[in-house]
């Protein structure tokens, strides 16, 4: 369960198939902190006495991943890749997997439709079948007012 302090803004995660499991990752993080003898109130960002994970660490990790996956060879500028890229790509992944705009807003804790700026319409998977659907004959009446 993640709670960002906003009323009703909890996101529940369950363990799924494959190698990525948010539940197990959370459990490993808690176990790591607790085996170091830290008190229960220790933040999950704890690394060592006086050291915590901060935003700059996340940015460096995301940029390293972008380099390792060859994004720079496809025209991506690493200066435009950062921690926010995780939210943007998460919204896109949800959209490509058939989630509604309302679901994406709830899951991503978006309070507006701003996430739509991150939905890339040129992605073939998103546009698959649009032309066929648009050319389908549907009887309707346009009622003006």
Protein backbone atom coordinates (compact mmCIF):
# COMPACT_ATOMS: atom_id res chain seq x y z
CA UNK A 1 0.00 0.00 0.00
CA UNK A 2 1.32 3.42 -0.90
CA UNK A 3 -0.15 6.50 0.72
CA UNK A 4 0.97 9.94 -0.48
CA UNK A 5 -0.98 11.79 2.18
CA UNK A 6 -3.92 12.70 -0.05
CA UNK A 7 -7.26 11.38 1.11
CA UNK A 8 -8.14 8.14 -0.69
CA UNK A 9 -4.90 8.15 -2.69
CA UNK A 10 -3.75 4.67 -1.80
CA UNK A 11 -2.49 2.30 -4.44
CA UNK A 12 -2.56 -1.43 -3.71
CA UNK A 13 -0.03 -3.68 -5.42
CA UNK A 14 -0.09 -7.42 -5.75
CA UNK A 15 2.63 -9.82 -6.78
CA UNK A 16 2.40 -10.81 -10.41
CA UNK A 17 4.11 -13.31 -12.70
CA UNK A 18 7.63 -12.72 -13.96
CA UNK A 19 10.64 -11.10 -12.37
CA UNK A 20 9.09 -7.78 -11.31
CA UNK A 21 7.14 -7.86 -8.08
CA UNK A 22 6.50 -4.63 -6.13
CA UNK A 23 5.38 -6.61 -3.08
CA UNK A 24 8.62 -8.62 -2.87
CA UNK A 25 10.75 -5.53 -3.62
CA UNK A 26 9.07 -3.72 -0.72
CA UNK A 27 9.55 -6.74 1.56
CA UNK A 28 13.26 -6.97 0.63
CA UNK A 29 13.70 -3.24 1.36
CA UNK A 30 12.07 -3.52 4.78
CA UNK A 31 14.05 -6.68 5.57
CA UNK A 32 17.31 -4.95 4.62
CA UNK A 33 16.62 -1.99 6.89
CA UNK A 34 15.43 -4.13 9.80
CA UNK A 35 18.43 -6.52 9.64
CA UNK A 36 20.69 -3.50 10.12
CA UNK A 37 19.03 -2.96 13.50
CA UNK A 38 17.22 0.21 12.47
CA UNK A 39 13.97 1.21 14.25
CA UNK A 40 10.59 0.57 12.59
CA UNK A 41 10.16 4.28 11.76
CA UNK A 42 13.26 4.30 9.52
CA UNK A 43 12.36 5.73 6.08
CA UNK A 44 12.57 3.37 3.09
CA UNK A 45 15.09 5.80 1.59
CA UNK A 46 17.68 4.78 4.21
CA UNK A 47 21.00 3.53 2.77
CA UNK A 48 23.41 3.95 5.67
CA UNK A 49 23.76 6.28 8.67
CA UNK A 50 23.38 9.80 7.31
CA UNK A 51 22.72 8.61 3.74
CA UNK A 52 19.35 8.37 2.03
CA UNK A 53 18.25 7.89 -1.58
CA UNK A 54 17.41 11.31 -3.00
CA UNK A 55 15.95 12.52 -6.31
CA UNK A 56 19.37 12.93 -7.94
CA UNK A 57 20.11 9.22 -7.37
CA UNK A 58 16.91 8.29 -9.20
CA UNK A 59 17.71 10.64 -12.10
CA UNK A 60 21.18 9.11 -12.46
CA UNK A 61 19.74 5.58 -12.44
CA UNK A 62 17.09 6.40 -15.06
CA UNK A 63 19.68 8.09 -17.31
CA UNK A 64 22.03 5.12 -16.94
CA UNK A 65 19.20 2.81 -18.00
CA UNK A 66 18.47 5.08 -20.99
CA UNK A 67 22.13 4.86 -22.02
CA UNK A 68 22.27 1.08 -21.54
CA UNK A 69 19.15 0.51 -23.63
CA UNK A 70 20.50 2.65 -26.48
CA UNK A 71 17.92 5.45 -26.35
CA UNK A 72 20.57 8.06 -27.17
CA UNK A 73 21.17 6.24 -30.48
CA UNK A 74 17.52 6.92 -31.33
CA UNK A 75 17.76 10.67 -30.79
CA UNK A 76 16.89 10.94 -27.10
CA UNK A 77 18.66 13.68 -25.19
CA UNK A 78 19.65 12.43 -21.72
CA UNK A 79 19.07 15.94 -20.34
CA UNK A 80 15.35 15.39 -21.04
CA UNK A 81 15.30 12.01 -19.29
CA UNK A 82 14.73 12.02 -15.55
CA UNK A 83 12.64 10.78 -12.68
CA UNK A 84 9.49 12.23 -14.24
CA UNK A 85 10.10 9.90 -17.21
CA UNK A 86 8.96 7.07 -14.92
CA UNK A 87 5.52 8.65 -14.46
CA UNK A 88 5.21 9.46 -18.16
CA UNK A 89 6.19 5.98 -19.29
CA UNK A 90 3.93 4.45 -16.65
CA UNK A 91 0.94 6.37 -18.04
CA UNK A 92 1.85 5.24 -21.56
CA UNK A 93 2.24 1.60 -20.48
CA UNK A 94 -1.17 1.66 -18.80
CA UNK A 95 -2.78 3.18 -21.92
CA UNK A 96 -1.18 0.58 -24.20
CA UNK A 97 -2.50 -2.14 -21.91
CA UNK A 98 -6.07 -0.93 -22.28
CA UNK A 99 -6.61 1.06 -19.10
CA UNK A 100 -9.11 3.90 -19.29
CA UNK A 101 -8.18 7.53 -18.69
CA UNK A 102 -10.02 7.35 -15.36
CA UNK A 103 -8.02 4.28 -14.30
CA UNK A 104 -4.72 5.91 -15.32
CA UNK A 105 -5.61 8.99 -13.28
CA UNK A 106 -6.44 6.88 -10.22
CA UNK A 107 -3.41 4.61 -10.46
CA UNK A 108 -0.99 7.45 -11.22
CA UNK A 109 -2.60 9.81 -8.69
CA UNK A 110 -3.16 12.38 -11.45
CA UNK A 111 -5.65 15.06 -10.38
CA UNK A 112 -6.17 16.29 -13.95
CA UNK A 113 -5.84 15.00 -17.50
CA UNK A 114 -2.27 16.32 -17.71
CA UNK A 115 -1.09 12.74 -18.22
CA UNK A 116 -2.58 12.90 -21.73
CA UNK A 117 0.43 14.95 -22.82
CA UNK A 118 2.51 11.80 -22.24
CA UNK A 119 0.33 9.51 -24.36
CA UNK A 120 2.16 9.27 -27.67
CA UNK A 121 -0.36 8.93 -30.50
CA UNK A 122 2.25 7.86 -33.08
CA UNK A 123 2.75 4.48 -31.37
CA UNK A 124 1.50 1.80 -33.77
CA UNK A 125 0.11 -0.39 -30.96
CA UNK A 126 -2.13 2.45 -29.80
CA UNK A 127 -3.45 3.16 -33.30
CA UNK A 128 -3.87 -0.43 -34.44
CA UNK A 129 -7.23 -0.81 -36.22
CA UNK A 130 -8.27 2.86 -36.10
CA UNK A 131 -8.65 3.24 -39.89
CA UNK A 132 -10.80 0.10 -40.11
CA UNK A 133 -12.98 1.25 -37.23
CA UNK A 134 -13.41 4.73 -38.73
CA UNK A 135 -14.51 3.29 -42.08
CA UNK A 136 -17.14 1.03 -40.52
CA UNK A 137 -20.65 2.11 -41.48
CA UNK A 138 -22.74 3.15 -38.48
CA UNK A 139 -26.24 4.55 -38.79
CA UNK A 140 -26.69 7.65 -36.63
CA UNK A 141 -28.54 10.97 -36.59
CA UNK A 142 -26.83 14.20 -35.68
CA UNK A 143 -29.30 16.16 -33.57
CA UNK A 144 -28.41 19.83 -33.44
CA UNK A 145 -29.58 22.32 -30.85
